[in-house]
């Protein structure tokens, strides 16, 4: 009875200890709920920051640029353009990001993202006459000959350096055919979250209804750079190409920011990616460059100035601006939000690579946000668990001491 009396006297103290333990156990659940909510907001920026999503959705022709950014360069006449940080996927500025326009050969980036991982670079393929049938009139060609065997790597150099529609035809035939490849590219675009793109001709040749946007092409360029082979091909300036009459001949990349041809200087830190031209699309370009550990990507569609090499001059001036703005300007949108679930578009073969080495970015946004200061983390979780264990230990010791004291009290019993 004495023990019962003693425990009754200290019931208040024991209750406080128990309440402390229960409170501590509830913290992980609350923090986890906060983490999930933050992850959802990050995965869908429009839900938490509607203004950002609205800025990229602007179709009035207005240029959108984040707070804190330096003045944009003069003379950018392109119908649509974007400037993006490759690592984070942040869009730093844009004009008509989602306007649907003819992409020309910049669509070959989506072709490569879709098909490139399927065939070994060293595999050899013999070209048949049927594979070269249907090439559009006036197409750019690398010079593939029927009956000759080529390594897959040679075909991709023909795609990236010479923008060869003949090389695209052969690779598409290897992939199951022209129509099947177009359907697969369409599905891949949707998988990446690119919803402005409609694929009709895998080589980018003008076709009724074929469109993309500066935003979508930036998504394709960024996804491509996350593949080491893609990054290697798109950054190659010159290469030797097999020839039937001689061992090989030299081909040069038609991206003048990379090659420095036709009176242009090679852009400092240029990484690649892909240029294009058709009478319907005008000049188009996706270009990436690295400076000071940061990689930026610009997409420029159909400059209207009429100046010689306008697409390259405008891309260069936007890259210059982007390197000045990076770290200062608030983003106006994100390419990361494009992919389902808010995930960065993964490399097509899952490899850590080119822009993953350049960008190290293929992680869920929620995972990045949950590691921000003040968010629930594994360290915090262990601290709370340790506190809970201490509370239980203190309660146990306190209870035992009360029990021993009760047994020493005269007249004490069970």
Protein backbone atom coordinates (compact mmCIF):
# COMPACT_ATOMS: atom_id res chain seq x y z
CA UNK A 1 0.00 0.00 0.00
CA UNK A 2 2.87 2.36 0.75
CA UNK A 3 4.18 1.87 -2.79
CA UNK A 4 0.79 2.63 -4.25
CA UNK A 5 0.60 5.74 -2.12
CA UNK A 6 4.06 6.82 -3.23
CA UNK A 7 3.34 6.21 -6.90
CA UNK A 8 0.11 8.12 -6.55
CA UNK A 9 1.98 11.08 -5.10
CA UNK A 10 4.36 11.08 -8.10
CA UNK A 11 1.74 10.36 -10.75
CA UNK A 12 1.95 13.93 -11.98
CA UNK A 13 5.68 13.68 -12.57
CA UNK A 14 5.32 10.36 -14.41
CA UNK A 15 2.52 11.79 -16.53
CA UNK A 16 4.76 14.66 -17.61
CA UNK A 17 7.48 12.19 -18.64
CA UNK A 18 5.02 10.09 -20.60
CA UNK A 19 3.58 13.14 -22.32
CA UNK A 20 7.08 14.21 -23.30
CA UNK A 21 7.73 10.84 -24.92
CA UNK A 22 4.42 10.93 -26.80
CA UNK A 23 5.05 14.47 -28.01
CA UNK A 24 8.47 13.52 -29.31
CA UNK A 25 7.09 10.51 -31.18
CA UNK A 26 4.58 12.73 -32.94
CA UNK A 27 7.27 15.04 -34.32
CA UNK A 28 8.48 12.69 -37.09
CA UNK A 29 4.94 12.28 -38.41
CA UNK A 30 4.37 16.03 -38.47
CA UNK A 31 7.74 16.70 -40.07
CA UNK A 32 7.17 13.95 -42.61
CA UNK A 33 3.82 15.46 -43.52
CA UNK A 34 5.51 18.83 -43.99
CA UNK A 35 8.20 17.23 -46.15
CA UNK A 36 5.59 15.58 -48.39
CA UNK A 37 3.70 18.84 -48.71
CA UNK A 38 6.90 20.68 -49.62
CA UNK A 39 7.76 17.96 -52.12
CA UNK A 40 4.34 18.30 -53.74
CA UNK A 41 4.71 22.05 -53.98
CA UNK A 42 8.15 21.60 -55.56
CA UNK A 43 6.89 18.98 -57.98
CA UNK A 44 4.12 21.30 -59.07
CA UNK A 45 5.47 24.84 -58.85
CA UNK A 46 2.24 26.17 -60.31
CA UNK A 47 0.40 24.98 -57.21
CA UNK A 48 2.57 27.03 -54.86
CA UNK A 49 3.82 29.72 -57.19
CA UNK A 50 1.14 30.26 -59.78
CA UNK A 51 2.78 33.45 -60.95
CA UNK A 52 5.89 31.54 -62.10
CA UNK A 53 3.84 29.08 -64.14
CA UNK A 54 1.79 31.96 -65.58
CA UNK A 55 4.95 33.71 -66.74
CA UNK A 56 6.08 30.80 -68.91
CA UNK A 57 2.53 30.35 -70.14
CA UNK A 58 2.42 33.91 -71.45
CA UNK A 59 1.57 33.91 -75.16
CA UNK A 60 1.27 37.63 -75.70
CA UNK A 61 4.81 38.02 -76.97
CA UNK A 62 5.90 39.63 -73.71
CA UNK A 63 9.42 38.85 -72.54
CA UNK A 64 9.48 37.47 -68.99
CA UNK A 65 12.53 37.85 -66.78
CA UNK A 66 13.02 37.31 -63.06
CA UNK A 67 13.54 39.92 -60.39
CA UNK A 68 17.16 40.91 -59.83
CA UNK A 69 18.24 40.17 -63.41
CA UNK A 70 20.43 42.55 -65.41
CA UNK A 71 19.00 44.23 -68.49
CA UNK A 72 18.38 41.89 -71.38
CA UNK A 73 20.53 42.29 -74.50
CA UNK A 74 19.29 44.51 -77.30
CA UNK A 75 18.47 43.18 -80.73
CA UNK A 76 17.03 39.74 -79.88
CA UNK A 77 14.49 39.35 -82.66
CA UNK A 78 13.67 35.63 -82.36
CA UNK A 79 10.01 34.73 -82.32
CA UNK A 80 10.64 32.57 -79.24
CA UNK A 81 13.58 31.90 -76.94
CA UNK A 82 14.54 30.61 -73.50
CA UNK A 83 17.59 30.78 -71.21
CA UNK A 84 17.92 27.86 -68.80
CA UNK A 85 20.31 26.71 -66.08
CA UNK A 86 21.11 23.10 -67.00
CA UNK A 87 21.85 21.91 -63.45
CA UNK A 88 18.71 23.24 -61.79
CA UNK A 89 16.38 23.40 -64.79
CA UNK A 90 15.49 26.99 -63.84
CA UNK A 91 14.34 29.16 -66.74
CA UNK A 92 15.97 32.55 -66.19
CA UNK A 93 14.13 34.41 -68.95
CA UNK A 94 11.94 33.61 -71.93
CA UNK A 95 9.83 34.95 -74.73
CA UNK A 96 6.92 32.92 -76.09
CA UNK A 97 8.33 29.82 -74.39
CA UNK A 98 5.32 27.69 -75.33
CA UNK A 99 4.56 29.14 -78.77
CA UNK A 100 4.27 26.24 -81.21
CA UNK A 101 6.63 26.73 -84.12
CA UNK A 102 8.34 24.57 -86.73
CA UNK A 103 11.56 23.24 -85.14
CA UNK A 104 13.59 22.21 -88.23
CA UNK A 105 16.59 20.01 -87.34
CA UNK A 106 16.58 20.94 -83.65
CA UNK A 107 13.95 18.16 -83.48
CA UNK A 108 16.84 15.75 -84.06
CA UNK A 109 17.62 16.22 -80.36
CA UNK A 110 14.38 14.39 -79.53
CA UNK A 111 15.23 11.77 -82.17
CA UNK A 112 18.57 11.17 -80.46
CA UNK A 113 17.12 11.12 -76.95
CA UNK A 114 14.69 8.46 -78.17
CA UNK A 115 16.85 6.25 -80.39
CA UNK A 116 20.52 6.75 -79.46
CA UNK A 117 20.53 4.46 -76.36
CA UNK A 118 19.24 1.48 -78.35
CA UNK A 119 22.29 0.69 -80.48
CA UNK A 120 25.93 0.19 -79.58
CA UNK A 121 28.26 2.78 -81.09
CA UNK A 122 30.46 0.05 -82.56
CA UNK A 123 27.64 -1.97 -84.12
CA UNK A 124 27.84 -2.22 -87.92
CA UNK A 125 24.87 -1.81 -90.27
CA UNK A 126 24.70 -2.31 -94.04
CA UNK A 127 22.48 0.27 -95.74
CA UNK A 128 19.75 -0.89 -98.12
CA UNK A 129 18.13 1.17 -100.89
CA UNK A 130 14.77 1.10 -99.07
CA UNK A 131 16.31 2.81 -96.04
CA UNK A 132 17.26 5.86 -98.11
CA UNK A 133 13.88 6.17 -99.83
CA UNK A 134 11.65 9.13 -99.05
CA UNK A 135 14.29 11.70 -98.15
CA UNK A 136 12.78 15.17 -98.51
CA UNK A 137 13.81 17.39 -101.39
CA UNK A 138 16.56 19.82 -100.43
CA UNK A 139 17.46 17.85 -97.28
CA UNK A 140 20.90 18.19 -95.74
CA UNK A 141 22.88 14.97 -96.30
CA UNK A 142 26.07 13.49 -94.94
CA UNK A 143 26.57 11.24 -97.99
CA UNK A 144 25.49 7.75 -96.98
CA UNK A 145 25.67 5.20 -99.80
CA UNK A 146 23.45 2.17 -100.22
CA UNK A 147 25.22 -1.17 -100.00
CA UNK A 148 27.92 0.22 -97.73
CA UNK A 149 28.34 -0.73 -94.08
CA UNK A 150 28.65 1.94 -91.38
CA UNK A 151 29.25 1.89 -87.68
CA UNK A 152 26.39 3.30 -85.64
CA UNK A 153 28.78 5.97 -84.32
CA UNK A 154 29.39 7.12 -87.92
CA UNK A 155 25.64 7.46 -88.46
CA UNK A 156 25.26 9.58 -85.32
CA UNK A 157 28.14 11.81 -86.34
CA UNK A 158 26.30 12.26 -89.62
CA UNK A 159 23.18 13.31 -87.66
CA UNK A 160 24.87 15.73 -85.28
CA UNK A 161 27.64 17.24 -87.39
CA UNK A 162 26.09 17.40 -90.87
CA UNK A 163 22.44 17.23 -89.80
CA UNK A 164 22.18 14.41 -92.31
CA UNK A 165 18.61 13.37 -93.00
CA UNK A 166 20.02 10.31 -94.77
CA UNK A 167 21.62 9.21 -91.49
CA UNK A 168 18.31 9.77 -89.67
CA UNK A 169 16.52 7.63 -92.26
CA UNK A 170 18.90 4.72 -91.73
CA UNK A 171 18.77 4.88 -87.94
CA UNK A 172 14.97 5.16 -88.01
CA UNK A 173 14.82 2.06 -90.23
CA UNK A 174 16.98 0.22 -87.72
CA UNK A 175 14.57 1.38 -85.00
CA UNK A 176 11.50 -0.15 -86.65
CA UNK A 177 10.66 2.32 -89.38
CA UNK A 178 9.84 5.96 -90.02
CA UNK A 179 6.28 5.99 -88.68
CA UNK A 180 7.08 3.85 -85.65
CA UNK A 181 9.99 6.12 -84.77
CA UNK A 182 7.80 9.23 -85.03
CA UNK A 183 5.26 7.64 -82.68
CA UNK A 184 7.99 6.69 -80.24
CA UNK A 185 9.41 10.21 -80.31
CA UNK A 186 5.96 11.59 -79.58
CA UNK A 187 5.59 9.27 -76.59
CA UNK A 188 9.07 10.20 -75.35
CA UNK A 189 8.25 13.89 -75.59
CA UNK A 190 5.18 13.39 -73.42
CA UNK A 191 7.20 11.30 -70.98
CA UNK A 192 9.60 14.22 -70.62
CA UNK A 193 6.67 16.58 -70.03
CA UNK A 194 7.02 18.33 -73.41
CA UNK A 195 3.43 19.03 -74.46
CA UNK A 196 3.88 21.54 -77.26
CA UNK A 197 5.54 19.06 -79.62
CA UNK A 198 3.89 17.15 -82.45
CA UNK A 199 6.20 14.81 -84.38
CA UNK A 200 5.49 14.02 -88.03
CA UNK A 201 8.97 13.67 -89.53
CA UNK A 202 11.77 12.43 -87.22
CA UNK A 203 14.46 14.42 -89.07
CA UNK A 204 12.69 17.78 -88.51
CA UNK A 205 11.89 18.24 -92.20
CA UNK A 206 8.90 20.54 -92.68
CA UNK A 207 5.69 18.53 -92.47
CA UNK A 208 2.09 19.66 -91.94
CA UNK A 209 1.33 19.84 -88.24
CA UNK A 210 4.90 19.35 -87.07
CA UNK A 211 5.65 21.82 -84.27
CA UNK A 212 7.56 22.23 -81.06
CA UNK A 213 8.41 25.15 -78.77
CA UNK A 214 11.43 26.82 -77.22
CA UNK A 215 10.45 25.26 -73.90
CA UNK A 216 10.11 21.72 -75.26
CA UNK A 217 13.33 21.93 -77.27
CA UNK A 218 15.12 23.08 -74.11
CA UNK A 219 13.73 20.01 -72.35
CA UNK A 220 15.08 17.78 -75.15
CA UNK A 221 18.47 19.48 -75.15
CA UNK A 222 18.82 19.17 -71.39
CA UNK A 223 17.71 15.52 -71.41
CA UNK A 224 20.14 14.80 -74.24
CA UNK A 225 23.09 16.33 -72.42
CA UNK A 226 22.40 13.88 -69.59
CA UNK A 227 23.63 11.12 -71.94
CA UNK A 228 27.38 10.86 -72.39
CA UNK A 229 27.17 9.77 -76.04
CA UNK A 230 24.76 12.56 -76.94
CA UNK A 231 27.02 15.11 -75.21
CA UNK A 232 30.03 13.75 -77.07
CA UNK A 233 28.43 13.82 -80.52
CA UNK A 234 26.84 17.26 -80.16
CA UNK A 235 30.13 18.74 -78.98
CA UNK A 236 32.27 17.31 -81.81
CA UNK A 237 33.56 19.95 -84.21
CA UNK A 238 35.06 17.76 -86.96
CA UNK A 239 35.22 14.04 -87.72
CA UNK A 240 36.16 11.62 -90.46
CA UNK A 241 33.27 9.98 -92.32
CA UNK A 242 33.58 6.74 -94.35
CA UNK A 243 33.58 7.14 -98.12
CA UNK A 244 33.08 4.55 -100.84
CA UNK A 245 35.80 5.94 -103.07
CA UNK A 246 38.38 6.70 -100.38
CA UNK A 247 38.99 5.70 -96.77
CA UNK A 248 37.15 8.72 -95.33
CA UNK A 249 36.51 12.44 -95.68
CA UNK A 250 36.23 15.21 -93.13
CA UNK A 251 32.87 16.55 -91.97
CA UNK A 252 32.42 19.70 -89.92
CA UNK A 253 29.70 20.58 -87.45
CA UNK A 254 27.22 23.04 -88.95
CA UNK A 255 26.64 24.66 -85.54
CA UNK A 256 28.67 27.82 -86.04
CA UNK A 257 28.84 28.66 -82.33
CA UNK A 258 30.78 25.40 -82.01
CA UNK A 259 32.84 25.47 -85.22
CA UNK A 260 33.50 29.20 -85.42
CA UNK A 261 32.86 29.08 -89.17
CA UNK A 262 31.64 31.76 -91.59
CA UNK A 263 33.10 34.72 -89.76
CA UNK A 264 31.84 33.73 -86.31
CA UNK A 265 34.09 33.05 -83.36
CA UNK A 266 33.70 29.83 -81.43
CA UNK A 267 31.67 30.71 -78.36
CA UNK A 268 33.80 30.46 -75.18
CA UNK A 269 32.92 27.35 -73.21
CA UNK A 270 30.55 26.01 -75.89
CA UNK A 271 29.24 22.51 -75.17
CA UNK A 272 27.08 21.88 -78.27
CA UNK A 273 23.89 21.06 -79.05
CA UNK A 274 22.00 21.35 -82.40
CA UNK A 275 21.09 23.88 -85.08
CA UNK A 276 18.52 23.72 -87.86
CA UNK A 277 16.99 25.49 -90.83
CA UNK A 278 14.01 25.03 -93.13
CA UNK A 279 12.11 27.56 -95.22
CA UNK A 280 9.14 27.23 -92.87
CA UNK A 281 11.01 27.21 -89.56
CA UNK A 282 13.69 29.73 -90.40
CA UNK A 283 16.91 29.37 -88.40
CA UNK A 284 16.66 27.49 -85.13
CA UNK A 285 19.25 26.64 -82.51
CA UNK A 286 19.70 24.92 -79.16
CA UNK A 287 23.09 25.84 -77.68
CA UNK A 288 24.75 25.06 -74.35
CA UNK A 289 27.88 26.55 -72.84
CA UNK A 290 29.76 26.18 -69.57
CA UNK A 291 31.51 28.90 -67.64
CA UNK A 292 32.72 29.06 -64.05
CA UNK A 293 31.25 25.67 -63.23
CA UNK A 294 27.79 26.63 -64.50
CA UNK A 295 26.17 25.30 -67.68
CA UNK A 296 23.48 27.30 -69.46
CA UNK A 297 21.31 26.34 -72.39
CA UNK A 298 19.53 28.68 -74.79
CA UNK A 299 16.96 27.89 -77.44
CA UNK A 300 16.38 30.46 -80.19
CA UNK A 301 13.67 30.06 -82.83
CA UNK A 302 13.34 32.00 -86.06
CA UNK A 303 15.04 35.41 -85.66
CA UNK A 304 13.25 38.13 -87.61
CA UNK A 305 16.05 40.68 -88.00
CA UNK A 306 17.24 39.36 -91.35
CA UNK A 307 20.87 39.81 -90.28
CA UNK A 308 23.48 37.29 -91.32
CA UNK A 309 24.03 34.60 -88.69
CA UNK A 310 21.34 36.21 -86.53
CA UNK A 311 20.44 32.97 -84.73
CA UNK A 312 24.06 32.56 -83.57
CA UNK A 313 24.55 36.19 -82.57
CA UNK A 314 21.30 36.22 -80.61
CA UNK A 315 22.08 32.89 -78.93
CA UNK A 316 25.53 34.18 -77.96
CA UNK A 317 24.16 37.41 -76.50
CA UNK A 318 21.55 35.46 -74.50
CA UNK A 319 24.25 33.13 -73.16
CA UNK A 320 26.35 36.15 -72.16
CA UNK A 321 23.33 37.62 -70.39
CA UNK A 322 22.55 34.29 -68.71
CA UNK A 323 26.01 34.01 -67.18
CA UNK A 324 25.64 37.53 -65.79
CA UNK A 325 22.15 36.79 -64.48
CA UNK A 326 22.74 33.32 -63.02
CA UNK A 327 22.68 33.44 -59.25
CA UNK A 328 21.10 36.91 -59.30
CA UNK A 329 17.83 36.51 -61.18
CA UNK A 330 14.77 34.77 -59.79
CA UNK A 331 13.59 32.03 -62.17
CA UNK A 332 10.46 32.57 -64.23
CA UNK A 333 9.76 28.86 -64.52
CA UNK A 334 11.38 25.43 -64.57
CA UNK A 335 12.08 22.58 -66.96
CA UNK A 336 12.05 20.24 -63.96
CA UNK A 337 8.34 20.83 -63.50
CA UNK A 338 7.76 19.50 -67.01
CA UNK A 339 8.49 15.88 -66.17
CA UNK A 340 5.68 13.89 -64.50
CA UNK A 341 5.99 13.91 -60.72
CA UNK A 342 8.25 16.95 -60.81
CA UNK A 343 11.29 14.90 -61.65
CA UNK A 344 14.14 16.00 -63.81
CA UNK A 345 14.07 14.29 -67.17
CA UNK A 346 16.37 11.30 -66.72
CA UNK A 347 18.98 10.35 -69.27
CA UNK A 348 17.55 8.03 -71.87
CA UNK A 349 19.72 5.13 -70.74
CA UNK A 350 19.83 6.06 -67.06
CA UNK A 351 23.57 6.70 -67.22
CA UNK A 352 25.26 9.46 -65.24
CA UNK A 353 26.80 11.49 -67.97
CA UNK A 354 27.42 14.49 -70.10
CA UNK A 355 25.20 17.08 -68.44
CA UNK A 356 24.78 15.01 -65.36
CA UNK A 357 28.52 15.46 -65.10
CA UNK A 358 27.88 18.97 -66.37
CA UNK A 359 24.73 19.40 -64.31
CA UNK A 360 24.42 16.58 -61.73
CA UNK A 361 20.72 17.26 -61.81
CA UNK A 362 18.71 14.07 -62.27
CA UNK A 363 17.13 14.15 -58.79
CA UNK A 364 13.58 14.67 -57.63
CA UNK A 365 12.86 18.30 -56.77
CA UNK A 366 11.23 17.20 -53.54
CA UNK A 367 14.46 15.53 -52.46
CA UNK A 368 16.35 18.76 -53.01
CA UNK A 369 13.78 20.89 -51.21
CA UNK A 370 13.56 18.54 -48.22
CA UNK A 371 17.24 19.17 -47.59
CA UNK A 372 16.84 22.92 -47.32
CA UNK A 373 17.71 24.49 -43.95
CA UNK A 374 14.86 24.19 -41.51
CA UNK A 375 13.33 21.14 -43.21
CA UNK A 376 12.99 17.72 -41.61
CA UNK A 377 16.14 15.66 -42.23
CA UNK A 378 17.70 12.38 -41.19
CA UNK A 379 19.88 14.26 -38.69
CA UNK A 380 16.84 15.86 -37.10
CA UNK A 381 15.12 12.47 -37.02
CA UNK A 382 17.97 10.88 -35.08
CA UNK A 383 18.04 13.81 -32.67
CA UNK A 384 14.32 13.43 -31.94
CA UNK A 385 14.64 9.67 -31.57
CA UNK A 386 17.53 10.19 -29.15
CA UNK A 387 15.46 12.63 -27.13
CA UNK A 388 12.64 10.15 -26.92
CA UNK A 389 15.02 7.41 -25.73
CA UNK A 390 16.42 9.71 -23.05
CA UNK A 391 12.91 10.52 -21.86
CA UNK A 392 12.06 6.80 -21.55
CA UNK A 393 15.31 6.11 -19.70
CA UNK A 394 14.71 8.96 -17.24
CA UNK A 395 11.18 7.71 -16.65
CA UNK A 396 12.40 4.18 -16.00
CA UNK A 397 15.11 5.30 -13.54
CA UNK A 398 12.72 7.62 -11.74
CA UNK A 399 10.11 4.86 -11.43
CA UNK A 400 12.67 2.37 -10.11
CA UNK A 401 13.91 4.82 -7.50
CA UNK A 402 10.37 5.44 -6.31
CA UNK A 403 9.82 1.70 -6.10
CA UNK A 404 13.00 1.19 -4.01
CA UNK A 405 12.09 4.04 -1.70
CA UNK A 406 8.64 2.53 -1.27
CA UNK A 407 10.11 -0.82 -0.23
CA UNK A 408 12.27 0.95 2.39
CA UNK A 409 9.30 2.79 3.91
CA UNK A 410 8.24 1.21 7.28
CA UNK A 411 5.09 -0.80 6.91
CA UNK A 412 5.57 -1.00 3.16
CA UNK A 413 4.19 -4.05 1.38
CA UNK A 414 3.17 -5.40 -1.89
